[in-house]
C-alpha atoms as a PDB file:
ATOM      1  CA  MET A   1     111.980 115.323 111.834  1.00  0.00           C
ATOM      2  CA  GLN A   2     108.537 114.018 112.669  1.00  0.00           C
ATOM      3  CA  ILE A   3     108.231 110.266 113.246  1.00  0.00           C
ATOM      4  CA  GLY A   4     104.966 108.360 113.687  1.00  0.00           C
ATOM      5  CA  VAL A   5     103.414 104.953 113.063  1.00  0.00           C
ATOM      6  CA  ASP A   6     101.618 104.886 109.705  1.00  0.00           C
ATOM      7  CA  SER A   7     100.286 101.326 110.087  1.00  0.00           C
ATOM      8  CA  ILE A   8     101.001  97.937 111.618  1.00  0.00           C
ATOM      9  CA  GLN A   9     100.652  94.599 109.885  1.00  0.00           C
ATOM     10  CA  VAL A  10     100.425  91.277 111.706  1.00  0.00           C
ATOM     11  CA  GLU A  11     101.182  88.567 109.176  1.00  0.00           C
ATOM     12  CA  ASP A  12     102.368  84.983 108.954  1.00  0.00           C
ATOM     13  CA  VAL A  13     100.978  83.981 112.340  1.00  0.00           C
ATOM     14  CA  ASP A  14     101.560  80.298 113.010  1.00  0.00           C
ATOM     15  CA  LEU A  15     101.998  78.057 116.044  1.00  0.00           C
ATOM     16  CA  THR A  16     105.568  79.198 116.745  1.00  0.00           C
ATOM     17  CA  SER A  17     105.868  82.827 115.638  1.00  0.00           C
ATOM     18  CA  ALA A  18     104.228  85.938 114.232  1.00  0.00           C
ATOM     19  CA  ASP A  19     105.731  88.492 111.887  1.00  0.00           C
ATOM     20  CA  LEU A  20     104.910  92.129 112.613  1.00  0.00           C
ATOM     21  CA  ILE A  21     105.735  95.081 110.414  1.00  0.00           C
ATOM     22  CA  PHE A  22     105.617  98.537 111.967  1.00  0.00           C
ATOM     23  CA  HIS A  23     105.452 101.107 109.146  1.00  0.00           C
ATOM     24  CA  LEU A  24     107.056 104.346 110.326  1.00  0.00           C
ATOM     25  CA  ARG A  25     106.144 107.574 108.571  1.00  0.00           C
ATOM     26  CA  VAL A  26     109.047 110.024 108.734  1.00  0.00           C
ATOM     27  CA  ALA A  27     108.329 113.597 107.658  1.00  0.00           C
ATOM     28  CA  ASN A  28     111.031 116.065 106.696  1.00  0.00           C
ATOM     29  CA  PRO A  29     109.924 119.667 107.327  1.00  0.00           C
ATOM     30  CA  ASN A  30     113.316 121.005 106.174  1.00  0.00           C
ATOM     31  CA  THR A  31     114.090 122.712 102.878  1.00  0.00           C
ATOM     32  CA  ASN A  32     116.816 120.132 102.109  1.00  0.00           C
ATOM     33  CA  ALA A  33     116.528 116.394 101.581  1.00  0.00           C
ATOM     34  CA  VAL A  34     117.772 114.200 104.439  1.00  0.00           C
ATOM     35  CA  ILE A  35     119.043 110.632 104.509  1.00  0.00           C
ATOM     36  CA  ILE A  36     118.151 108.061 107.153  1.00  0.00           C
ATOM     37  CA  ASP A  37     121.105 105.747 107.568  1.00  0.00           C
ATOM     38  CA  ARG A  38     119.339 103.144 109.745  1.00  0.00           C
ATOM     39  CA  THR A  39     116.882 102.668 112.602  1.00  0.00           C
ATOM     40  CA  ASP A  40     117.200 100.674 115.821  1.00  0.00           C
ATOM     41  CA  TYR A  41     114.120  99.784 117.846  1.00  0.00           C
ATOM     42  CA  THR A  42     112.715  97.773 120.745  1.00  0.00           C
ATOM     43  CA  VAL A  43     109.191  96.345 120.616  1.00  0.00           C
ATOM     44  CA  MET A  44     106.969  96.132 123.692  1.00  0.00           C
ATOM     45  CA  ILE A  45     103.481  94.628 123.690  1.00  0.00           C
ATOM     46  CA  ASN A  46     101.240  95.153 126.742  1.00  0.00           C
ATOM     47  CA  ASN A  47     104.350  96.437 128.604  1.00  0.00           C
ATOM     48  CA  ILE A  48     106.300  93.234 127.881  1.00  0.00           C
ATOM     49  CA  SER A  49     109.584  93.716 126.036  1.00  0.00           C
ATOM     50  CA  LEU A  50     109.764  91.280 123.118  1.00  0.00           C
ATOM     51  CA  GLY A  51     113.195  92.222 121.842  1.00  0.00           C
ATOM     52  CA  SER A  52     114.968  94.566 119.490  1.00  0.00           C
ATOM     53  CA  GLY A  53     115.443  94.971 115.782  1.00  0.00           C
ATOM     54  CA  GLN A  54     117.298  97.070 113.272  1.00  0.00           C
ATOM     55  CA  ASN A  55     116.568  98.293 109.767  1.00  0.00           C
ATOM     56  CA  GLN A  56     119.745  99.152 107.870  1.00  0.00           C
ATOM     57  CA  ARG A  57     118.017 100.363 104.746  1.00  0.00           C
ATOM     58  CA  THR A  58     119.180 103.833 103.661  1.00  0.00           C
ATOM     59  CA  VAL A  59     116.259 106.097 102.743  1.00  0.00           C
ATOM     60  CA  THR A  60     116.248 109.616 101.314  1.00  0.00           C
ATOM     61  CA  ILE A  61     113.423 111.889 102.455  1.00  0.00           C
ATOM     62  CA  PRO A  62     112.814 114.783 100.061  1.00  0.00           C
ATOM     63  CA  ALA A  63     112.575 118.363 101.317  1.00  0.00           C
ATOM     64  CA  GLY A  64     109.086 118.940 102.690  1.00  0.00           C
ATOM     65  CA  GLY A  65     108.152 115.316 102.035  1.00  0.00           C
ATOM     66  CA  SER A  66     107.677 112.087 103.930  1.00  0.00           C
ATOM     67  CA  VAL A  67     108.412 108.393 103.467  1.00  0.00           C
ATOM     68  CA  VAL A  68     107.137 105.187 105.035  1.00  0.00           C
ATOM     69  CA  ILE A  69     109.832 102.844 106.319  1.00  0.00           C
ATOM     70  CA  PRO A  70     108.998  99.242 107.304  1.00  0.00           C
ATOM     71  CA  GLN A  71     110.339  97.974 110.615  1.00  0.00           C
ATOM     72  CA  PRO A  72     109.995  94.151 110.484  1.00  0.00           C
ATOM     73  CA  PHE A  73     109.911  92.184 113.725  1.00  0.00           C
ATOM     74  CA  THR A  74     109.355  88.481 114.468  1.00  0.00           C
ATOM     75  CA  VAL A  75     107.738  87.438 117.761  1.00  0.00           C
ATOM     76  CA  SER A  76     108.445  83.868 118.887  1.00  0.00           C
ATOM     77  CA  TYR A  77     105.743  81.986 120.774  1.00  0.00           C
ATOM     78  CA  GLU A  78     107.786  81.326 123.874  1.00  0.00           C
ATOM     79  CA  GLY A  79     108.535  82.950 127.187  1.00  0.00           C
ATOM     80  CA  ALA A  80     106.840  86.290 127.748  1.00  0.00           C
ATOM     81  CA  ALA A  81     105.179  86.272 124.316  1.00  0.00           C
ATOM     82  CA  GLN A  82     102.816  83.465 125.364  1.00  0.00           C
ATOM     83  CA  SER A  83     100.906  85.870 127.614  1.00  0.00           C
ATOM     84  CA  ILE A  84     100.198  88.306 124.755  1.00  0.00           C
ATOM     85  CA  TRP A  85      99.680  85.822 121.919  1.00  0.00           C
ATOM     86  CA  SER A  86      95.889  86.068 121.772  1.00  0.00           C
ATOM     87  CA  TYR A  87      96.148  89.879 121.577  1.00  0.00           C
ATOM     88  CA  LEU A  88      98.481  89.604 118.587  1.00  0.00           C
ATOM     89  CA  VAL A  89      96.241  87.147 116.783  1.00  0.00           C
ATOM     90  CA  GLN A  90      92.893  88.821 117.568  1.00  0.00           C
ATOM     91  CA  GLY A  91      94.031  92.453 117.877  1.00  0.00           C
ATOM     92  CA  GLY A  92      93.814  94.839 120.793  1.00  0.00           C
ATOM     93  CA  ALA A  93      97.429  94.594 121.951  1.00  0.00           C
ATOM     94  CA  GLU A  94      98.951  97.821 123.230  1.00  0.00           C
ATOM     95  CA  TYR A  95     102.313  98.404 121.587  1.00  0.00           C
ATOM     96  CA  ARG A  96     105.237 100.684 122.281  1.00  0.00           C
ATOM     97  CA  LEU A  97     108.024 101.080 119.768  1.00  0.00           C
ATOM     98  CA  VAL A  98     111.094 102.776 121.214  1.00  0.00           C
ATOM     99  CA  GLY A  99     114.039 103.487 118.994  1.00  0.00           C
ATOM    100  CA  THR A 100     116.451 105.813 117.278  1.00  0.00           C
ATOM    101  CA  ALA A 101     116.521 106.958 113.665  1.00  0.00           C
ATOM    102  CA  TYR A 102     120.009 107.866 112.453  1.00  0.00           C
ATOM    103  CA  PHE A 103     120.282 110.731 109.954  1.00  0.00           C
ATOM    104  CA  ASP A 104     123.344 111.547 107.864  1.00  0.00           C
ATOM    105  CA  THR A 105     124.260 115.225 108.120  1.00  0.00           C
ATOM    106  CA  LEU A 106     127.186 117.417 107.086  1.00  0.00           C
ATOM    107  CA  LEU A 107     128.420 117.118 110.684  1.00  0.00           C
ATOM    108  CA  GLY A 108     128.138 113.318 110.776  1.00  0.00           C
ATOM    109  CA  THR A 109     125.421 110.910 111.818  1.00  0.00           C
ATOM    110  CA  VAL A 110     122.830 112.259 114.255  1.00  0.00           C
ATOM    111  CA  GLY A 111     120.515 109.986 116.250  1.00  0.00           C
ATOM    112  CA  VAL A 112     116.908 111.081 116.779  1.00  0.00           C
ATOM    113  CA  PRO A 113     115.141 109.061 119.483  1.00  0.00           C
ATOM    114  CA  TYR A 114     111.458 108.177 119.235  1.00  0.00           C
ATOM    115  CA  SER A 115     108.858 106.487 121.401  1.00  0.00           C
ATOM    116  CA  LEU A 116     105.562 105.597 119.741  1.00  0.00           C
ATOM    117  CA  SER A 117     102.560 103.780 121.168  1.00  0.00           C
ATOM    118  CA  GLY A 118      99.079 102.680 120.218  1.00  0.00           C
ATOM    119  CA  THR A 119      96.886  99.637 119.744  1.00  0.00           C
ATOM    120  CA  ILE A 120      97.408  96.870 117.205  1.00  0.00           C
ATOM    121  CA  GLY A 121      94.316  96.210 115.135  1.00  0.00           C
ATOM    122  CA  GLU A 122      92.755  99.667 115.407  1.00  0.00           C
END
């Protein structure tokens, strides 16, 4: 499996929180379709851990194809997030998304770890 960030949306920014959506593109180079059971992830902005999330949506990836899976995450304007708030609102924040995608196989569920990084707003 090949996992990458397709895009990032920063939406619904207000005085207390911001909603982020990391869109993961998962490519299946195999000759058989695969099913993602769920994903778990931790979000870091400018090397500050903001918490974890989980997407329990089951997604089928066709043989030789790819899908985009949204990973929603809400950042509260408190604690460590205060120091990165302007980067979220104006762009330029360095992100790291560390997680595991769980695939259903004939042998059971297999976890595939990923670590993705880049800049929000570019």
